[in-house]
Amino acid sequence: MSGQLCVRVAQSEDATAIATVHVRAWQAGYRGLLPDSVLDTLSTALRERQWHERLSGATGEWITTLVAVEQERVSGFCSLAAPSRDSDAGPRTVELAALYVDPERWGGGVADALLHAVRELLAEGSARWETLTLWMLEGNARALAFYRRWGLEPDGTWREDVLTGPSGQHARAPHMRLRGPLS
């Protein structure tokens, strides 16, 4: 599928499509990095509820979500936390909290369009944002190569998240932080 790609701010009616992309991207992109038992039991319905809450502002987080739309279908999304939620990030740092593309569209320029839109959005109004950070799952070579093309590099900071699947199974998920200039 190819067509005109439009990036816009997500709305609550995008929650279902975002949840679908979110689950599909995790299941394809994290296969071999997270246990199949976690990936195979991901719930689009649960993600949809979470995205409805986020997009309606019910969570109280200051996060902006952008969607990439092709032929009226969401093919990817990203979310920004500004300022970054990391305590050591500094006041001029924004965090890329999520960036996922439907696996059918990997390599099709959707992620590039989203990051380009992020830079444009953050340049509007003021030049207060200087640095972009993000957390990525350790071992995700495809993502690391993509982010390096955008000037983001590991900054030596690590964390480990523990994911709990619907059946109560746990998976350790080591993450590394990437950092780079917004320009």
N, C-alpha and C. Protein backbone atom coordinates (compact mmCIF):
# COMPACT_ATOMS: atom_id res chain seq x y z
N MET A 1 0.85 -1.18 0.00
CA MET A 1 0.00 0.00 0.00
C MET A 1 0.88 1.22 0.00
N SER A 2 0.68 2.12 -0.91
CA SER A 2 1.37 3.40 -0.87
C SER A 2 0.39 4.46 -1.27
N GLY A 3 0.64 5.65 -0.84
CA GLY A 3 -0.25 6.75 -1.13
C GLY A 3 0.26 7.98 -0.42
N GLN A 4 -0.51 9.03 -0.45
CA GLN A 4 -0.13 10.26 0.22
C GLN A 4 -0.04 10.03 1.72
N LEU A 5 1.10 10.36 2.28
CA LEU A 5 1.33 10.21 3.72
C LEU A 5 1.12 11.55 4.39
N CYS A 6 0.27 11.57 5.40
CA CYS A 6 -0.03 12.78 6.16
C CYS A 6 0.28 12.50 7.62
N VAL A 7 0.97 13.42 8.27
CA VAL A 7 1.23 13.30 9.70
C VAL A 7 0.45 14.40 10.39
N ARG A 8 -0.31 14.01 11.41
CA ARG A 8 -1.14 14.97 12.15
C ARG A 8 -1.19 14.57 13.61
N VAL A 9 -1.71 15.46 14.43
CA VAL A 9 -1.89 15.17 15.85
C VAL A 9 -3.01 14.14 15.99
N ALA A 10 -2.77 13.14 16.82
CA ALA A 10 -3.76 12.08 17.04
C ALA A 10 -4.96 12.61 17.79
N GLN A 11 -6.11 11.99 17.52
CA GLN A 11 -7.35 12.33 18.21
C GLN A 11 -7.90 11.06 18.85
N SER A 12 -8.84 11.20 19.75
CA SER A 12 -9.34 10.04 20.48
C SER A 12 -9.90 8.97 19.56
N GLU A 13 -10.46 9.36 18.42
CA GLU A 13 -10.99 8.35 17.50
C GLU A 13 -9.89 7.54 16.80
N ASP A 14 -8.62 7.91 17.00
CA ASP A 14 -7.50 7.14 16.47
C ASP A 14 -7.06 6.02 17.40
N ALA A 15 -7.64 5.92 18.58
CA ALA A 15 -7.17 4.97 19.60
C ALA A 15 -7.15 3.52 19.11
N THR A 16 -8.18 3.10 18.41
CA THR A 16 -8.23 1.71 17.93
C THR A 16 -7.11 1.45 16.94
N ALA A 17 -6.92 2.35 15.99
CA ALA A 17 -5.88 2.16 14.98
C ALA A 17 -4.48 2.22 15.61
N ILE A 18 -4.27 3.12 16.55
CA ILE A 18 -2.98 3.20 17.22
C ILE A 18 -2.72 1.92 18.00
N ALA A 19 -3.72 1.43 18.70
CA ALA A 19 -3.56 0.19 19.48
C ALA A 19 -3.21 -0.98 18.56
N THR A 20 -3.83 -1.04 17.40
CA THR A 20 -3.55 -2.12 16.46
C THR A 20 -2.10 -2.05 15.97
N VAL A 21 -1.65 -0.86 15.59
CA VAL A 21 -0.26 -0.69 15.15
C VAL A 21 0.69 -1.02 16.31
N HIS A 22 0.36 -0.55 17.50
CA HIS A 22 1.20 -0.78 18.68
C HIS A 22 1.43 -2.27 18.90
N VAL A 23 0.37 -3.05 18.93
CA VAL A 23 0.48 -4.49 19.18
C VAL A 23 1.20 -5.19 18.03
N ARG A 24 0.83 -4.88 16.80
CA ARG A 24 1.47 -5.54 15.65
C ARG A 24 2.97 -5.24 15.61
N ALA A 25 3.34 -3.99 15.89
CA ALA A 25 4.76 -3.61 15.87
C ALA A 25 5.54 -4.31 16.98
N TRP A 26 4.95 -4.41 18.17
CA TRP A 26 5.61 -5.15 19.25
C TRP A 26 5.79 -6.61 18.86
N GLN A 27 4.74 -7.23 18.35
CA GLN A 27 4.80 -8.65 18.04
C GLN A 27 5.83 -8.96 16.95
N ALA A 28 5.98 -8.08 16.00
CA ALA A 28 6.96 -8.30 14.93
C ALA A 28 8.35 -7.82 15.33
N GLY A 29 8.43 -6.65 15.90
CA GLY A 29 9.73 -6.03 16.19
C GLY A 29 10.46 -6.57 17.39
N TYR A 30 9.71 -7.08 18.37
CA TYR A 30 10.35 -7.56 19.59
C TYR A 30 10.44 -9.08 19.66
N ARG A 31 10.02 -9.76 18.58
CA ARG A 31 10.13 -11.22 18.53
C ARG A 31 11.60 -11.59 18.64
N GLY A 32 11.94 -12.46 19.55
CA GLY A 32 13.33 -12.83 19.80
C GLY A 32 14.00 -11.97 20.85
N LEU A 33 13.39 -10.83 21.18
CA LEU A 33 13.92 -9.95 22.22
C LEU A 33 13.12 -10.06 23.51
N LEU A 34 11.84 -10.38 23.37
CA LEU A 34 10.95 -10.62 24.51
C LEU A 34 10.35 -12.01 24.34
N PRO A 35 9.93 -12.64 25.43
CA PRO A 35 9.36 -13.99 25.31
C PRO A 35 8.09 -14.01 24.45
N ASP A 36 7.96 -15.07 23.65
CA ASP A 36 6.77 -15.24 22.83
C ASP A 36 5.51 -15.24 23.69
N SER A 37 5.60 -15.77 24.92
CA SER A 37 4.43 -15.83 25.79
C SER A 37 3.90 -14.45 26.12
N VAL A 38 4.76 -13.46 26.16
CA VAL A 38 4.31 -12.08 26.39
C VAL A 38 3.76 -11.49 25.09
N LEU A 39 4.50 -11.64 24.01
CA LEU A 39 4.09 -11.06 22.74
C LEU A 39 2.79 -11.64 22.20
N ASP A 40 2.63 -12.95 22.35
CA ASP A 40 1.45 -13.61 21.80
C ASP A 40 0.17 -13.31 22.56
N THR A 41 0.30 -12.79 23.77
CA THR A 41 -0.89 -12.50 24.57
C THR A 41 -1.17 -11.00 24.69
N LEU A 42 -0.47 -10.18 23.90
CA LEU A 42 -0.76 -8.75 23.92
C LEU A 42 -2.20 -8.52 23.48
N SER A 43 -2.85 -7.58 24.13
CA SER A 43 -4.26 -7.34 23.89
C SER A 43 -4.47 -5.99 23.20
N THR A 44 -5.00 -6.05 21.98
CA THR A 44 -5.35 -4.81 21.29
C THR A 44 -6.45 -4.06 22.05
N ALA A 45 -7.40 -4.80 22.63
CA ALA A 45 -8.49 -4.16 23.38
C ALA A 45 -7.94 -3.40 24.59
N LEU A 46 -6.98 -3.97 25.31
CA LEU A 46 -6.38 -3.28 26.45
C LEU A 46 -5.62 -2.05 25.99
N ARG A 47 -4.83 -2.19 24.93
CA ARG A 47 -4.10 -1.03 24.40
C ARG A 47 -5.07 0.05 23.94
N GLU A 48 -6.18 -0.36 23.34
CA GLU A 48 -7.16 0.62 22.88
C GLU A 48 -7.70 1.44 24.06
N ARG A 49 -8.02 0.78 25.16
CA ARG A 49 -8.49 1.51 26.35
C ARG A 49 -7.42 2.48 26.85
N GLN A 50 -6.17 2.02 26.88
CA GLN A 50 -5.08 2.87 27.33
C GLN A 50 -4.91 4.08 26.41
N TRP A 51 -5.02 3.85 25.11
CA TRP A 51 -4.88 4.96 24.17
C TRP A 51 -6.06 5.92 24.24
N HIS A 52 -7.26 5.43 24.47
CA HIS A 52 -8.40 6.34 24.67
C HIS A 52 -8.13 7.26 25.87
N GLU A 53 -7.64 6.69 26.96
CA GLU A 53 -7.33 7.49 28.15
C GLU A 53 -6.25 8.53 27.85
N ARG A 54 -5.18 8.11 27.20
CA ARG A 54 -4.09 9.04 26.88
C ARG A 54 -4.56 10.16 25.97
N LEU A 55 -5.26 9.81 24.92
CA LEU A 55 -5.67 10.82 23.94
C LEU A 55 -6.76 11.73 24.45
N SER A 56 -7.50 11.30 25.45
CA SER A 56 -8.53 12.17 26.03
C SER A 56 -7.97 13.05 27.14
N GLY A 57 -6.71 12.82 27.50
CA GLY A 57 -6.08 13.61 28.57
C GLY A 57 -6.36 13.08 29.95
N ALA A 58 -7.00 11.93 30.06
CA ALA A 58 -7.38 11.38 31.36
C ALA A 58 -6.19 10.96 32.21
N THR A 59 -5.04 10.71 31.59
CA THR A 59 -3.88 10.25 32.35
C THR A 59 -3.14 11.40 33.03
N GLY A 60 -3.38 12.63 32.59
CA GLY A 60 -2.71 13.79 33.18
C GLY A 60 -1.29 13.99 32.69
N GLU A 61 -0.81 13.14 31.79
CA GLU A 61 0.53 13.28 31.25
C GLU A 61 0.53 14.36 30.17
N TRP A 62 1.65 15.08 30.06
CA TRP A 62 1.78 16.04 28.98
C TRP A 62 2.51 15.32 27.85
N ILE A 63 1.73 14.64 27.04
CA ILE A 63 2.29 13.89 25.93
C ILE A 63 1.48 14.22 24.68
N THR A 64 2.20 14.47 23.60
CA THR A 64 1.57 14.71 22.31
C THR A 64 1.82 13.48 21.44
N THR A 65 0.79 13.00 20.81
CA THR A 65 0.91 11.84 19.92
C THR A 65 0.59 12.28 18.50
N LEU A 66 1.45 11.90 17.58
CA LEU A 66 1.25 12.15 16.16
C LEU A 66 0.97 10.83 15.48
N VAL A 67 0.14 10.85 14.45
CA VAL A 67 -0.14 9.66 13.65
C VAL A 67 0.25 9.94 12.20
N ALA A 68 0.75 8.89 11.55
CA ALA A 68 1.00 8.93 10.12
C ALA A 68 -0.17 8.21 9.46
N VAL A 69 -0.83 8.88 8.54
CA VAL A 69 -2.03 8.34 7.91
C VAL A 69 -1.80 8.25 6.40
N GLU A 70 -2.12 7.07 5.86
CA GLU A 70 -2.07 6.83 4.42
C GLU A 70 -3.42 6.25 4.00
N GLN A 71 -4.03 6.84 3.01
CA GLN A 71 -5.32 6.37 2.52
C GLN A 71 -6.29 6.11 3.67
N GLU A 72 -6.37 7.08 4.58
CA GLU A 72 -7.29 7.05 5.73
C GLU A 72 -6.98 5.94 6.72
N ARG A 73 -5.78 5.39 6.68
CA ARG A 73 -5.39 4.32 7.60
C ARG A 73 -4.15 4.74 8.37
N VAL A 74 -4.16 4.59 9.68
CA VAL A 74 -2.99 4.90 10.50
C VAL A 74 -1.94 3.83 10.23
N SER A 75 -0.77 4.28 9.79
CA SER A 75 0.32 3.33 9.49
C SER A 75 1.46 3.44 10.51
N GLY A 76 1.39 4.43 11.38
CA GLY A 76 2.41 4.59 12.41
C GLY A 76 2.04 5.72 13.35
N PHE A 77 2.75 5.78 14.47
CA PHE A 77 2.51 6.86 15.43
C PHE A 77 3.76 7.09 16.26
N CYS A 78 3.82 8.24 16.87
CA CYS A 78 4.87 8.53 17.84
C CYS A 78 4.29 9.44 18.92
N SER A 79 4.88 9.37 20.09
CA SER A 79 4.45 10.19 21.22
C SER A 79 5.65 10.93 21.79
N LEU A 80 5.42 12.17 22.20
CA LEU A 80 6.46 13.02 22.77
C LEU A 80 6.09 13.44 24.17
N ALA A 81 7.06 13.38 25.08
CA ALA A 81 6.90 13.93 26.42
C ALA A 81 7.82 15.15 26.49
N ALA A 82 7.23 16.31 26.71
CA ALA A 82 8.02 17.53 26.74
C ALA A 82 7.63 18.35 27.97
N PRO A 83 8.52 18.48 28.91
CA PRO A 83 9.90 18.02 28.88
C PRO A 83 9.99 16.52 29.13
N SER A 84 11.19 16.00 28.95
CA SER A 84 11.44 14.58 29.18
C SER A 84 11.05 14.19 30.59
N ARG A 85 10.61 12.94 30.76
CA ARG A 85 10.24 12.44 32.08
C ARG A 85 11.44 11.99 32.89
N ASP A 86 12.63 11.94 32.30
CA ASP A 86 13.83 11.52 33.01
C ASP A 86 14.34 12.64 33.92
N SER A 87 14.62 12.30 35.15
CA SER A 87 15.03 13.31 36.14
C SER A 87 16.36 13.97 35.77
N ASP A 88 17.21 13.29 35.01
CA ASP A 88 18.52 13.85 34.67
C ASP A 88 18.56 14.45 33.26
N ALA A 89 17.44 14.61 32.63
CA ALA A 89 17.41 14.99 31.22
C ALA A 89 17.72 16.46 30.96
N GLY A 90 17.43 17.32 31.86
CA GLY A 90 17.63 18.74 31.62
C GLY A 90 16.37 19.39 31.08
N PRO A 91 16.22 20.69 31.32
CA PRO A 91 14.97 21.39 30.98
C PRO A 91 14.73 21.58 29.48
N ARG A 92 15.75 21.42 28.65
CA ARG A 92 15.58 21.64 27.21
C ARG A 92 15.59 20.33 26.43
N THR A 93 15.21 19.26 27.14
CA THR A 93 15.21 17.92 26.55
C THR A 93 13.78 17.42 26.42
N VAL A 94 13.46 16.89 25.26
CA VAL A 94 12.17 16.28 24.99
C VAL A 94 12.41 14.78 24.78
N GLU A 95 11.45 13.98 25.21
CA GLU A 95 11.58 12.52 25.12
C GLU A 95 10.64 11.98 24.05
N LEU A 96 11.19 11.17 23.17
CA LEU A 96 10.38 10.41 22.23
C LEU A 96 9.91 9.19 23.01
N ALA A 97 8.68 9.23 23.50
CA ALA A 97 8.16 8.19 24.39
C ALA A 97 7.75 6.93 23.64
N ALA A 98 7.45 7.05 22.36
CA ALA A 98 7.06 5.89 21.55
C ALA A 98 7.19 6.26 20.08
N LEU A 99 7.57 5.28 19.28
CA LEU A 99 7.53 5.41 17.82
C LEU A 99 7.36 3.99 17.27
N TYR A 100 6.21 3.76 16.67
CA TYR A 100 5.89 2.43 16.13
C TYR A 100 5.24 2.59 14.76
N VAL A 101 5.60 1.67 13.88
CA VAL A 101 5.06 1.65 12.52
C VAL A 101 4.51 0.25 12.26
N ASP A 102 3.38 0.18 11.57
CA ASP A 102 2.82 -1.12 11.20
C ASP A 102 3.89 -1.89 10.42
N PRO A 103 4.15 -3.13 10.80
CA PRO A 103 5.20 -3.90 10.12
C PRO A 103 5.04 -3.97 8.60
N GLU A 104 3.82 -3.90 8.11
CA GLU A 104 3.60 -3.90 6.65
C GLU A 104 4.21 -2.67 5.99
N ARG A 105 4.48 -1.63 6.76
CA ARG A 105 5.00 -0.36 6.22
C ARG A 105 6.46 -0.10 6.61
N TRP A 106 7.10 -1.06 7.28
CA TRP A 106 8.51 -0.88 7.62
C TRP A 106 9.33 -0.64 6.36
N GLY A 107 10.22 0.30 6.46
CA GLY A 107 11.08 0.62 5.32
C GLY A 107 10.41 1.51 4.29
N GLY A 108 9.18 1.94 4.55
CA GLY A 108 8.43 2.76 3.60
C GLY A 108 8.45 4.25 3.87
N GLY A 109 9.28 4.70 4.80
CA GLY A 109 9.40 6.13 5.06
C GLY A 109 8.46 6.68 6.12
N VAL A 110 7.64 5.82 6.72
CA VAL A 110 6.68 6.29 7.72
C VAL A 110 7.39 6.81 8.97
N ALA A 111 8.36 6.05 9.48
CA ALA A 111 9.08 6.49 10.68
C ALA A 111 9.86 7.78 10.41
N ASP A 112 10.45 7.89 9.23
CA ASP A 112 11.15 9.13 8.87
C ASP A 112 10.19 10.31 8.83
N ALA A 113 9.01 10.11 8.27
CA ALA A 113 8.01 11.18 8.22
C ALA A 113 7.59 11.60 9.62
N LEU A 114 7.44 10.64 10.52
CA LEU A 114 7.06 10.96 11.89
C LEU A 114 8.16 11.77 12.59
N LEU A 115 9.42 11.35 12.45
CA LEU A 115 10.50 12.09 13.10
C LEU A 115 10.69 13.47 12.48
N HIS A 116 10.50 13.57 11.19
CA HIS A 116 10.56 14.89 10.55
C HIS A 116 9.47 15.80 11.13
N ALA A 117 8.27 15.27 11.29
CA ALA A 117 7.16 16.05 11.86
C ALA A 117 7.45 16.43 13.31
N VAL A 118 8.10 15.53 14.06
CA VAL A 118 8.49 15.84 15.44
C VAL A 118 9.40 17.06 15.46
N ARG A 119 10.41 17.03 14.62
CA ARG A 119 11.35 18.17 14.58
C ARG A 119 10.64 19.46 14.18
N GLU A 120 9.75 19.39 13.22
CA GLU A 120 9.00 20.58 12.82
C GLU A 120 8.12 21.09 13.96
N LEU A 121 7.41 20.18 14.61
CA LEU A 121 6.54 20.56 15.72
C LEU A 121 7.32 21.22 16.84
N LEU A 122 8.47 20.67 17.18
CA LEU A 122 9.26 21.22 18.28
C LEU A 122 9.96 22.52 17.92
N ALA A 123 10.14 22.77 16.63
CA ALA A 123 10.76 24.03 16.19
C ALA A 123 9.75 25.17 16.17
N GLU A 124 8.46 24.85 16.13
CA GLU A 124 7.42 25.88 16.08
C GLU A 124 7.33 26.59 17.43
N GLY A 125 7.12 27.88 17.38
CA GLY A 125 6.85 28.64 18.61
C GLY A 125 8.07 29.09 19.35
N SER A 126 9.01 28.23 19.60
CA SER A 126 10.21 28.65 20.33
C SER A 126 11.34 27.68 20.03
N ALA A 127 12.52 28.11 20.35
CA ALA A 127 13.70 27.27 20.15
C ALA A 127 14.14 26.68 21.48
N ARG A 128 13.20 26.44 22.38
CA ARG A 128 13.59 26.02 23.72
C ARG A 128 14.05 24.57 23.78
N TRP A 129 13.60 23.72 22.87
CA TRP A 129 13.99 22.31 22.90
C TRP A 129 15.28 22.13 22.12
N GLU A 130 16.27 21.51 22.76
CA GLU A 130 17.57 21.31 22.11
C GLU A 130 17.91 19.85 21.88
N THR A 131 17.45 18.97 22.78
CA THR A 131 17.89 17.58 22.78
C THR A 131 16.70 16.64 22.76
N LEU A 132 16.86 15.54 22.05
CA LEU A 132 15.85 14.49 21.99
C LEU A 132 16.43 13.23 22.61
N THR A 133 15.68 12.60 23.49
CA THR A 133 16.09 11.32 24.06
C THR A 133 14.99 10.29 23.81
N LEU A 134 15.37 9.03 23.91
CA LEU A 134 14.39 7.96 23.84
C LEU A 134 15.00 6.73 24.49
N TRP A 135 14.12 5.84 24.94
CA TRP A 135 14.53 4.56 25.49
C TRP A 135 14.19 3.48 24.48
N MET A 136 15.15 2.61 24.19
CA MET A 136 14.88 1.52 23.26
C MET A 136 15.32 0.19 23.87
N LEU A 137 14.60 -0.85 23.48
CA LEU A 137 14.88 -2.19 23.97
C LEU A 137 16.27 -2.63 23.50
N GLU A 138 17.08 -3.06 24.45
CA GLU A 138 18.42 -3.53 24.13
C GLU A 138 18.34 -4.69 23.12
N GLY A 139 19.24 -4.68 22.16
CA GLY A 139 19.28 -5.74 21.17
C GLY A 139 18.46 -5.46 19.92
N ASN A 140 17.75 -4.35 19.89
CA ASN A 140 16.92 -4.01 18.73
C ASN A 140 17.79 -3.31 17.69
N ALA A 141 18.54 -4.10 16.94
CA ALA A 141 19.52 -3.57 15.98
C ALA A 141 18.85 -2.73 14.90
N ARG A 142 17.68 -3.14 14.44
CA ARG A 142 16.98 -2.39 13.39
C ARG A 142 16.66 -0.96 13.87
N ALA A 143 16.12 -0.87 15.09
CA ALA A 143 15.79 0.45 15.65
C ALA A 143 17.04 1.29 15.87
N LEU A 144 18.09 0.68 16.40
CA LEU A 144 19.32 1.42 16.66
C LEU A 144 19.89 2.00 15.36
N ALA A 145 19.90 1.22 14.30
CA ALA A 145 20.40 1.72 13.01
C ALA A 145 19.54 2.89 12.52
N PHE A 146 18.23 2.77 12.67
CA PHE A 146 17.33 3.85 12.25
C PHE A 146 17.62 5.13 13.03
N TYR A 147 17.66 5.03 14.36
CA TYR A 147 17.87 6.23 15.17
C TYR A 147 19.25 6.83 14.95
N ARG A 148 20.24 6.02 14.70
CA ARG A 148 21.58 6.56 14.41
C ARG A 148 21.57 7.40 13.14
N ARG A 149 20.76 7.01 12.17
CA ARG A 149 20.64 7.84 10.95
C ARG A 149 20.09 9.22 11.28
N TRP A 150 19.37 9.32 12.36
CA TRP A 150 18.79 10.60 12.78
C TRP A 150 19.67 11.32 13.80
N GLY A 151 20.89 10.82 14.02
CA GLY A 151 21.84 11.50 14.91
C GLY A 151 21.69 11.16 16.38
N LEU A 152 20.98 10.10 16.70
CA LEU A 152 20.80 9.69 18.09
C LEU A 152 21.77 8.55 18.40
N GLU A 153 22.42 8.65 19.54
CA GLU A 153 23.42 7.66 19.95
C GLU A 153 23.19 7.26 21.40
N PRO A 154 23.58 6.04 21.77
CA PRO A 154 23.49 5.65 23.19
C PRO A 154 24.28 6.62 24.06
N ASP A 155 23.70 7.00 25.19
CA ASP A 155 24.39 7.94 26.09
C ASP A 155 24.95 7.25 27.33
N GLY A 156 24.90 5.91 27.37
CA GLY A 156 25.47 5.17 28.49
C GLY A 156 24.51 4.94 29.65
N THR A 157 23.26 5.37 29.50
CA THR A 157 22.28 5.20 30.56
C THR A 157 21.41 3.99 30.23
N TRP A 158 21.19 3.14 31.25
CA TRP A 158 20.43 1.90 31.08
C TRP A 158 19.37 1.81 32.15
N ARG A 159 18.30 1.10 31.86
CA ARG A 159 17.29 0.75 32.86
C ARG A 159 16.70 -0.60 32.48
N GLU A 160 16.12 -1.24 33.47
CA GLU A 160 15.46 -2.51 33.19
C GLU A 160 14.00 -2.40 33.61
N ASP A 161 13.12 -2.63 32.67
CA ASP A 161 11.69 -2.68 32.95
C ASP A 161 11.29 -4.14 33.12
N VAL A 162 10.27 -4.37 33.90
CA VAL A 162 9.70 -5.70 34.02
C VAL A 162 8.30 -5.64 33.44
N LEU A 163 8.06 -6.40 32.38
CA LEU A 163 6.76 -6.44 31.72
C LEU A 163 5.96 -7.60 32.28
N THR A 164 4.69 -7.36 32.49
CA THR A 164 3.80 -8.42 32.97
C THR A 164 2.74 -8.67 31.92
N GLY A 165 2.66 -9.90 31.44
CA GLY A 165 1.67 -10.27 30.45
C GLY A 165 0.32 -10.51 31.08
N PRO A 166 -0.74 -10.67 30.28
CA PRO A 166 -2.09 -10.87 30.79
C PRO A 166 -2.24 -12.09 31.69
N SER A 167 -1.40 -13.09 31.48
CA SER A 167 -1.49 -14.30 32.31
C SER A 167 -0.60 -14.23 33.53
N GLY A 168 0.00 -13.07 33.78
CA GLY A 168 0.85 -12.89 34.94
C GLY A 168 2.31 -13.23 34.71
N GLN A 169 2.68 -13.66 33.51
CA GLN A 169 4.07 -13.97 33.24
C GLN A 169 4.89 -12.67 33.19
N HIS A 170 6.15 -12.76 33.64
CA HIS A 170 7.03 -11.59 33.68
C HIS A 170 8.15 -11.74 32.68
N ALA A 171 8.60 -10.61 32.15
CA ALA A 171 9.75 -10.59 31.25
C ALA A 171 10.59 -9.37 31.58
N ARG A 172 11.87 -9.60 31.72
CA ARG A 172 12.80 -8.48 31.92
C ARG A 172 13.08 -7.84 30.56
N ALA A 173 13.08 -6.52 30.55
CA ALA A 173 13.27 -5.79 29.30
C ALA A 173 14.31 -4.70 29.51
N PRO A 174 15.60 -5.01 29.26
CA PRO A 174 16.63 -3.99 29.42
C PRO A 174 16.55 -2.95 28.30
N HIS A 175 16.63 -1.69 28.68
CA HIS A 175 16.56 -0.58 27.74
C HIS A 175 17.81 0.28 27.84
N MET A 176 18.19 0.86 26.72
CA MET A 176 19.26 1.85 26.73
C MET A 176 18.69 3.17 26.21
N ARG A 177 19.26 4.26 26.74
CA ARG A 177 18.77 5.58 26.31
C ARG A 177 19.64 6.10 25.18
N LEU A 178 18.99 6.67 24.20
CA LEU A 178 19.66 7.35 23.10
C LEU A 178 19.44 8.85 23.25
N ARG A 179 20.38 9.62 22.75
CA ARG A 179 20.30 11.08 22.87
C ARG A 179 20.89 11.70 21.62
N GLY A 180 20.32 12.83 21.22
CA GLY A 180 20.86 13.56 20.08
C GLY A 180 20.25 14.94 19.96
N PRO A 181 20.84 15.77 19.11
CA PRO A 181 20.32 17.14 18.92
C PRO A 181 19.02 17.12 18.12
N LEU A 182 18.20 18.12 18.35
CA LEU A 182 16.94 18.24 17.61
C LEU A 182 17.14 18.86 16.23
N SER A 183 18.24 19.53 16.02
CA SER A 183 18.44 20.20 14.73
C SER A 183 18.93 19.26 13.66
